[in-house]
N, C-alpha and C. Protein backbone atom coordinates (compact mmCIF):
# COMPACT_ATOMS: atom_id res chain seq x y z
N UNK A 1 36.07 -1.17 -30.08
CA UNK A 1 34.91 -1.18 -29.23
C UNK A 1 33.72 -1.74 -30.00
N UNK A 2 32.92 -2.55 -29.29
CA UNK A 2 31.75 -3.16 -29.90
C UNK A 2 30.59 -2.16 -29.87
N UNK A 3 30.41 -1.46 -30.99
CA UNK A 3 29.36 -0.44 -31.03
C UNK A 3 27.96 -1.06 -31.11
N UNK A 4 27.88 -2.30 -31.54
CA UNK A 4 26.57 -2.97 -31.56
C UNK A 4 26.03 -3.13 -30.14
N UNK A 5 26.89 -3.55 -29.21
CA UNK A 5 26.46 -3.69 -27.82
C UNK A 5 26.12 -2.34 -27.22
N UNK A 6 26.93 -1.32 -27.53
CA UNK A 6 26.68 0.03 -27.01
C UNK A 6 25.35 0.55 -27.53
N UNK A 7 25.08 0.30 -28.83
CA UNK A 7 23.82 0.72 -29.42
C UNK A 7 22.65 -0.02 -28.75
N UNK A 8 22.82 -1.33 -28.53
CA UNK A 8 21.77 -2.11 -27.88
C UNK A 8 21.51 -1.59 -26.47
N UNK A 9 22.57 -1.24 -25.75
CA UNK A 9 22.43 -0.68 -24.41
C UNK A 9 21.66 0.63 -24.46
N UNK A 10 22.03 1.52 -25.36
CA UNK A 10 21.35 2.81 -25.48
C UNK A 10 19.88 2.62 -25.82
N UNK A 11 19.57 1.70 -26.73
CA UNK A 11 18.17 1.44 -27.10
C UNK A 11 17.40 0.83 -25.93
N UNK A 12 18.06 -0.04 -25.19
CA UNK A 12 17.41 -0.66 -24.03
C UNK A 12 17.11 0.38 -22.95
N UNK A 13 18.06 1.26 -22.70
CA UNK A 13 17.85 2.33 -21.71
C UNK A 13 16.70 3.23 -22.16
N UNK A 14 16.68 3.57 -23.43
CA UNK A 14 15.61 4.42 -23.97
C UNK A 14 14.26 3.74 -23.83
N UNK A 15 14.19 2.48 -24.17
CA UNK A 15 12.94 1.72 -24.06
C UNK A 15 12.48 1.64 -22.60
N UNK A 16 13.44 1.40 -21.69
CA UNK A 16 13.14 1.32 -20.26
C UNK A 16 12.54 2.64 -19.78
N UNK A 17 13.12 3.75 -20.16
CA UNK A 17 12.60 5.06 -19.74
C UNK A 17 11.19 5.30 -20.26
N UNK A 18 10.94 4.92 -21.50
CA UNK A 18 9.59 5.06 -22.07
C UNK A 18 8.60 4.20 -21.30
N UNK A 19 9.00 2.98 -20.97
CA UNK A 19 8.11 2.09 -20.22
C UNK A 19 7.86 2.63 -18.81
N UNK A 20 8.88 3.20 -18.18
CA UNK A 20 8.71 3.77 -16.85
C UNK A 20 7.71 4.93 -16.89
N UNK A 21 7.79 5.77 -17.95
CA UNK A 21 6.81 6.86 -18.09
C UNK A 21 5.41 6.29 -18.31
N UNK A 22 5.31 5.24 -19.09
CA UNK A 22 4.01 4.62 -19.33
C UNK A 22 3.45 4.01 -18.04
N UNK A 23 4.29 3.35 -17.26
CA UNK A 23 3.85 2.77 -15.99
C UNK A 23 3.37 3.88 -15.05
N UNK A 24 4.08 5.00 -15.02
CA UNK A 24 3.67 6.11 -14.17
C UNK A 24 2.29 6.63 -14.60
N UNK A 25 2.08 6.77 -15.90
CA UNK A 25 0.78 7.24 -16.41
C UNK A 25 -0.32 6.22 -16.12
N UNK A 26 -0.01 4.94 -16.27
CA UNK A 26 -0.99 3.89 -15.98
C UNK A 26 -1.33 3.85 -14.49
N UNK A 27 -0.35 4.02 -13.64
CA UNK A 27 -0.59 4.03 -12.19
C UNK A 27 -1.49 5.20 -11.81
N UNK A 28 -1.28 6.34 -12.44
CA UNK A 28 -2.13 7.50 -12.18
C UNK A 28 -3.56 7.19 -12.61
N UNK A 29 -3.73 6.57 -13.75
CA UNK A 29 -5.08 6.25 -14.24
C UNK A 29 -5.75 5.23 -13.33
N UNK A 30 -5.01 4.26 -12.82
CA UNK A 30 -5.57 3.28 -11.87
C UNK A 30 -6.11 4.02 -10.65
N UNK A 31 -5.33 4.96 -10.11
CA UNK A 31 -5.77 5.72 -8.94
C UNK A 31 -7.05 6.51 -9.25
N UNK A 32 -7.15 7.06 -10.47
CA UNK A 32 -8.33 7.83 -10.85
C UNK A 32 -9.57 6.94 -10.95
N UNK A 33 -9.40 5.73 -11.44
CA UNK A 33 -10.54 4.83 -11.65
C UNK A 33 -10.97 4.09 -10.39
N UNK A 34 -10.03 3.85 -9.48
CA UNK A 34 -10.30 3.04 -8.29
C UNK A 34 -11.42 3.59 -7.41
N UNK A 35 -11.35 4.85 -7.06
CA UNK A 35 -12.31 5.43 -6.10
C UNK A 35 -13.75 5.31 -6.59
N UNK A 36 -14.07 5.73 -7.82
CA UNK A 36 -15.47 5.62 -8.24
C UNK A 36 -15.94 4.16 -8.35
N UNK A 37 -15.06 3.27 -8.74
CA UNK A 37 -15.45 1.86 -8.83
C UNK A 37 -15.68 1.29 -7.44
N UNK A 38 -14.80 1.62 -6.49
CA UNK A 38 -15.00 1.17 -5.10
C UNK A 38 -16.31 1.70 -4.54
N UNK A 39 -16.62 2.96 -4.83
CA UNK A 39 -17.87 3.55 -4.36
C UNK A 39 -19.07 2.79 -4.93
N UNK A 40 -19.05 2.53 -6.23
CA UNK A 40 -20.16 1.80 -6.87
C UNK A 40 -20.29 0.39 -6.30
N UNK A 41 -19.17 -0.28 -6.10
CA UNK A 41 -19.22 -1.64 -5.54
C UNK A 41 -19.82 -1.61 -4.14
N UNK A 42 -19.45 -0.61 -3.34
CA UNK A 42 -19.99 -0.52 -1.98
C UNK A 42 -21.49 -0.21 -2.00
N UNK A 43 -21.89 0.73 -2.84
CA UNK A 43 -23.30 1.12 -2.93
C UNK A 43 -24.16 -0.05 -3.37
N UNK A 44 -23.67 -0.81 -4.34
CA UNK A 44 -24.45 -1.91 -4.89
C UNK A 44 -24.22 -3.22 -4.15
N UNK A 45 -23.35 -3.21 -3.16
CA UNK A 45 -23.09 -4.42 -2.38
C UNK A 45 -22.40 -5.51 -3.16
N UNK A 46 -21.54 -5.14 -4.09
CA UNK A 46 -20.83 -6.10 -4.93
C UNK A 46 -19.47 -6.39 -4.29
N UNK A 47 -19.25 -7.63 -3.78
CA UNK A 47 -17.99 -7.93 -3.11
C UNK A 47 -16.81 -8.13 -4.07
N UNK A 48 -17.10 -8.55 -5.29
CA UNK A 48 -16.06 -8.73 -6.30
C UNK A 48 -16.70 -8.65 -7.67
N UNK A 49 -15.89 -8.29 -8.64
CA UNK A 49 -16.38 -8.09 -9.99
C UNK A 49 -15.43 -8.81 -10.94
N UNK A 50 -15.97 -9.72 -11.73
CA UNK A 50 -15.15 -10.47 -12.69
C UNK A 50 -15.39 -9.91 -14.08
N UNK A 51 -14.31 -9.56 -14.75
CA UNK A 51 -14.38 -8.92 -16.06
C UNK A 51 -13.54 -9.72 -17.05
N UNK A 52 -14.08 -9.98 -18.23
CA UNK A 52 -13.31 -10.57 -19.33
C UNK A 52 -12.75 -9.41 -20.14
N UNK A 53 -11.43 -9.38 -20.31
CA UNK A 53 -10.83 -8.27 -21.05
C UNK A 53 -10.42 -8.72 -22.44
N UNK A 54 -10.10 -7.74 -23.28
CA UNK A 54 -9.88 -7.98 -24.71
C UNK A 54 -8.79 -8.98 -25.03
N UNK A 55 -7.79 -9.14 -24.17
CA UNK A 55 -6.71 -10.08 -24.48
C UNK A 55 -7.10 -11.53 -24.17
N UNK A 56 -8.35 -11.74 -23.75
CA UNK A 56 -8.84 -13.08 -23.47
C UNK A 56 -8.70 -13.52 -22.02
N UNK A 57 -8.04 -12.72 -21.19
CA UNK A 57 -7.89 -13.09 -19.79
C UNK A 57 -9.07 -12.57 -18.97
N UNK A 58 -9.22 -13.15 -17.82
CA UNK A 58 -10.28 -12.76 -16.90
C UNK A 58 -9.65 -12.09 -15.69
N UNK A 59 -10.19 -10.94 -15.30
CA UNK A 59 -9.67 -10.19 -14.16
C UNK A 59 -10.78 -10.09 -13.13
N UNK A 60 -10.46 -10.45 -11.91
CA UNK A 60 -11.41 -10.29 -10.80
C UNK A 60 -10.95 -9.13 -9.96
N UNK A 61 -11.83 -8.14 -9.81
CA UNK A 61 -11.55 -6.96 -9.00
C UNK A 61 -12.26 -7.11 -7.66
N UNK A 62 -11.53 -6.93 -6.59
CA UNK A 62 -12.13 -7.02 -5.26
C UNK A 62 -11.45 -6.00 -4.36
N UNK A 63 -12.24 -5.37 -3.46
CA UNK A 63 -11.65 -4.39 -2.55
C UNK A 63 -10.62 -5.03 -1.63
N UNK A 64 -9.58 -4.31 -1.36
CA UNK A 64 -8.52 -4.76 -0.46
C UNK A 64 -8.26 -3.62 0.51
N UNK A 65 -8.38 -3.91 1.81
CA UNK A 65 -8.22 -2.88 2.84
C UNK A 65 -6.96 -3.15 3.64
N UNK A 66 -6.22 -2.09 3.89
CA UNK A 66 -5.02 -2.21 4.72
C UNK A 66 -4.97 -0.99 5.65
N UNK A 67 -4.68 -1.23 6.90
CA UNK A 67 -4.56 -0.13 7.85
C UNK A 67 -3.13 0.39 7.85
N UNK A 68 -3.00 1.69 7.85
CA UNK A 68 -1.68 2.32 7.87
C UNK A 68 -1.61 3.32 9.01
N UNK A 69 -0.44 3.38 9.62
CA UNK A 69 -0.22 4.29 10.75
C UNK A 69 0.54 5.52 10.30
N UNK A 70 0.22 6.61 10.94
CA UNK A 70 0.95 7.85 10.79
C UNK A 70 0.89 8.58 12.12
N UNK A 71 1.57 9.68 12.23
CA UNK A 71 1.55 10.44 13.48
C UNK A 71 0.25 11.21 13.62
N UNK A 72 -0.33 11.16 14.80
CA UNK A 72 -1.45 12.03 15.10
C UNK A 72 -0.92 13.46 15.16
N UNK A 73 -1.80 14.43 15.04
CA UNK A 73 -1.36 15.83 15.05
C UNK A 73 -0.57 16.14 16.32
N UNK A 74 0.49 16.89 16.14
CA UNK A 74 1.33 17.38 17.23
C UNK A 74 2.03 16.28 18.03
N UNK A 75 2.20 15.13 17.44
CA UNK A 75 2.97 14.05 18.08
C UNK A 75 4.26 13.86 17.31
N UNK A 76 5.26 13.34 18.02
CA UNK A 76 6.53 13.08 17.38
C UNK A 76 6.78 11.57 17.35
N UNK A 77 7.68 11.19 16.48
CA UNK A 77 8.08 9.79 16.41
C UNK A 77 8.65 9.32 17.74
N UNK A 78 9.38 10.20 18.39
CA UNK A 78 9.98 9.85 19.67
C UNK A 78 8.91 9.56 20.72
N UNK A 79 7.80 10.30 20.69
CA UNK A 79 6.72 10.03 21.63
C UNK A 79 6.11 8.65 21.39
N UNK A 80 5.93 8.31 20.13
CA UNK A 80 5.37 7.00 19.80
C UNK A 80 6.35 5.91 20.23
N UNK A 81 7.63 6.10 19.94
CA UNK A 81 8.64 5.11 20.33
C UNK A 81 8.64 4.94 21.85
N UNK A 82 8.56 6.05 22.58
CA UNK A 82 8.52 5.98 24.04
C UNK A 82 7.29 5.24 24.54
N UNK A 83 6.14 5.49 23.91
CA UNK A 83 4.90 4.81 24.31
C UNK A 83 4.98 3.32 24.01
N UNK A 84 5.61 2.96 22.89
CA UNK A 84 5.78 1.54 22.56
C UNK A 84 6.67 0.85 23.59
N UNK A 85 7.77 1.50 23.95
CA UNK A 85 8.67 0.94 24.96
C UNK A 85 7.95 0.81 26.29
N UNK A 86 7.22 1.86 26.70
CA UNK A 86 6.51 1.84 27.99
C UNK A 86 5.41 0.79 28.01
N UNK A 87 4.93 0.42 26.84
CA UNK A 87 3.86 -0.59 26.75
C UNK A 87 4.40 -2.00 26.61
N UNK A 88 5.71 -2.14 26.70
CA UNK A 88 6.31 -3.47 26.59
C UNK A 88 6.55 -3.92 25.17
N UNK A 89 6.46 -3.01 24.21
CA UNK A 89 6.66 -3.36 22.81
C UNK A 89 7.99 -2.83 22.27
N UNK A 90 8.87 -2.44 23.16
CA UNK A 90 10.15 -1.89 22.75
C UNK A 90 11.03 -2.86 22.00
N UNK A 91 10.90 -4.15 22.29
CA UNK A 91 11.73 -5.14 21.60
C UNK A 91 11.27 -5.35 20.16
N UNK A 92 10.04 -4.93 19.83
CA UNK A 92 9.52 -5.11 18.49
C UNK A 92 9.82 -3.92 17.58
N UNK A 93 10.04 -2.76 18.17
CA UNK A 93 10.20 -1.55 17.39
C UNK A 93 11.44 -0.81 17.86
N UNK A 94 12.31 -0.46 16.92
CA UNK A 94 13.50 0.31 17.25
C UNK A 94 13.10 1.72 17.64
N UNK A 95 13.96 2.42 18.38
CA UNK A 95 13.67 3.81 18.74
C UNK A 95 13.47 4.66 17.49
N UNK A 96 14.16 4.33 16.42
CA UNK A 96 13.99 5.04 15.16
C UNK A 96 13.27 4.09 14.19
N UNK A 97 12.00 3.87 14.42
CA UNK A 97 11.20 2.94 13.63
C UNK A 97 10.68 3.62 12.37
N UNK A 98 10.17 2.79 11.44
CA UNK A 98 9.47 3.38 10.30
C UNK A 98 8.00 2.98 10.38
N UNK A 99 7.16 3.75 9.74
CA UNK A 99 5.73 3.54 9.88
C UNK A 99 5.24 2.29 9.16
N UNK A 100 5.97 1.81 8.18
CA UNK A 100 5.59 0.54 7.55
C UNK A 100 5.69 -0.59 8.57
N UNK A 101 6.76 -0.59 9.36
CA UNK A 101 6.92 -1.61 10.40
C UNK A 101 5.83 -1.49 11.45
N UNK A 102 5.53 -0.26 11.84
CA UNK A 102 4.49 -0.05 12.85
C UNK A 102 3.11 -0.45 12.30
N UNK A 103 2.86 -0.16 11.03
CA UNK A 103 1.59 -0.56 10.41
C UNK A 103 1.48 -2.08 10.38
N UNK A 104 2.58 -2.76 10.08
CA UNK A 104 2.57 -4.23 10.07
C UNK A 104 2.31 -4.77 11.48
N UNK A 105 2.91 -4.13 12.48
CA UNK A 105 2.69 -4.53 13.87
C UNK A 105 1.22 -4.35 14.24
N UNK A 106 0.61 -3.26 13.83
CA UNK A 106 -0.80 -3.01 14.10
C UNK A 106 -1.67 -4.08 13.44
N UNK A 107 -1.41 -4.37 12.16
CA UNK A 107 -2.20 -5.39 11.44
C UNK A 107 -2.05 -6.75 12.10
N UNK A 108 -0.83 -7.07 12.53
CA UNK A 108 -0.59 -8.36 13.18
C UNK A 108 -1.37 -8.43 14.49
N UNK A 109 -1.31 -7.38 15.28
CA UNK A 109 -2.02 -7.37 16.57
C UNK A 109 -3.53 -7.49 16.35
N UNK A 110 -4.06 -6.74 15.41
CA UNK A 110 -5.49 -6.79 15.16
C UNK A 110 -5.91 -8.09 14.50
N UNK A 111 -5.02 -8.66 13.70
CA UNK A 111 -5.30 -9.96 13.08
C UNK A 111 -5.41 -11.07 14.10
N UNK A 112 -4.69 -10.92 15.21
CA UNK A 112 -4.75 -11.90 16.30
C UNK A 112 -5.85 -11.57 17.30
N UNK A 113 -6.71 -10.60 16.96
CA UNK A 113 -7.82 -10.25 17.84
C UNK A 113 -7.46 -9.25 18.92
N UNK A 114 -6.29 -8.68 18.84
CA UNK A 114 -5.86 -7.71 19.85
C UNK A 114 -5.75 -6.32 19.27
N UNK A 115 -4.91 -5.52 19.85
CA UNK A 115 -4.68 -4.17 19.37
C UNK A 115 -3.41 -3.65 20.02
N UNK A 116 -2.95 -2.51 19.58
CA UNK A 116 -1.84 -1.85 20.25
C UNK A 116 -2.39 -1.17 21.50
N UNK A 117 -1.55 -0.93 22.48
CA UNK A 117 -2.01 -0.25 23.70
C UNK A 117 -2.55 1.15 23.39
N UNK A 118 -3.53 1.59 24.19
CA UNK A 118 -4.12 2.91 24.00
C UNK A 118 -3.07 4.01 24.06
N UNK A 119 -2.04 3.84 24.90
CA UNK A 119 -1.00 4.86 25.01
C UNK A 119 -0.28 5.06 23.68
N UNK A 120 -0.25 4.02 22.85
CA UNK A 120 0.35 4.11 21.51
C UNK A 120 -0.70 4.60 20.52
N UNK A 121 -1.89 4.00 20.55
CA UNK A 121 -2.94 4.36 19.60
C UNK A 121 -3.28 5.84 19.65
N UNK A 122 -3.25 6.43 20.85
CA UNK A 122 -3.60 7.84 21.00
C UNK A 122 -2.62 8.77 20.31
N UNK A 123 -1.44 8.28 19.99
CA UNK A 123 -0.42 9.09 19.32
C UNK A 123 -0.41 8.90 17.81
N UNK A 124 -1.27 8.01 17.32
CA UNK A 124 -1.24 7.66 15.91
C UNK A 124 -2.48 8.15 15.17
N UNK A 125 -2.29 8.37 13.90
CA UNK A 125 -3.39 8.62 12.97
C UNK A 125 -3.49 7.35 12.13
N UNK A 126 -4.51 6.53 12.39
CA UNK A 126 -4.65 5.25 11.69
C UNK A 126 -5.75 5.41 10.65
N UNK A 127 -5.41 5.06 9.43
CA UNK A 127 -6.40 5.15 8.36
C UNK A 127 -6.41 3.84 7.59
N UNK A 128 -7.52 3.58 6.95
CA UNK A 128 -7.63 2.40 6.11
C UNK A 128 -7.47 2.83 4.66
N UNK A 129 -6.51 2.25 3.98
CA UNK A 129 -6.36 2.47 2.55
C UNK A 129 -7.08 1.35 1.85
N UNK A 130 -8.07 1.70 1.05
CA UNK A 130 -8.83 0.70 0.32
C UNK A 130 -8.47 0.84 -1.14
N UNK A 131 -8.10 -0.26 -1.74
CA UNK A 131 -7.77 -0.26 -3.16
C UNK A 131 -8.39 -1.50 -3.78
N UNK A 132 -8.29 -1.59 -5.09
CA UNK A 132 -8.81 -2.76 -5.79
C UNK A 132 -7.66 -3.70 -6.09
N UNK A 133 -7.87 -4.95 -5.74
CA UNK A 133 -6.89 -5.98 -6.05
C UNK A 133 -7.40 -6.72 -7.27
N UNK A 134 -6.54 -6.92 -8.25
CA UNK A 134 -6.92 -7.63 -9.47
C UNK A 134 -6.21 -8.98 -9.50
N UNK A 135 -6.96 -10.04 -9.72
CA UNK A 135 -6.37 -11.36 -9.91
C UNK A 135 -6.69 -11.83 -11.31
N UNK A 136 -5.70 -12.41 -11.95
CA UNK A 136 -5.86 -12.83 -13.34
C UNK A 136 -5.97 -14.33 -13.41
N UNK A 137 -6.80 -14.80 -14.33
CA UNK A 137 -6.89 -16.23 -14.57
C UNK A 137 -6.94 -16.51 -16.05
């Protein structure tokens, strides 16, 4: 048996696990920093912020908003599916839909200047998730 390959595999798995833990910690820190920075940008009317970081790259931070759907209180997925079908949107959404698909449908409708029917909207809890998008140059 080639123990060199087995050792390399074990080291690679170990390194991957360490990196996954680091990514999890970094993601948590991003979430902690995002809200106060978004608040400051909104208060000061700053639409985007360009920062030069230590590695020599430039990062532009700008708010990114996305609408997401969830169930309104005391509603079921079946009620929403029924309302979608009754509104003529049954061909777009399966009876057992997921909310990512429904959120995409909502964004598409609103992007085209429309909306979902009130019979569907009344069953949903729609919120805007605002985060910071970073672009590197």
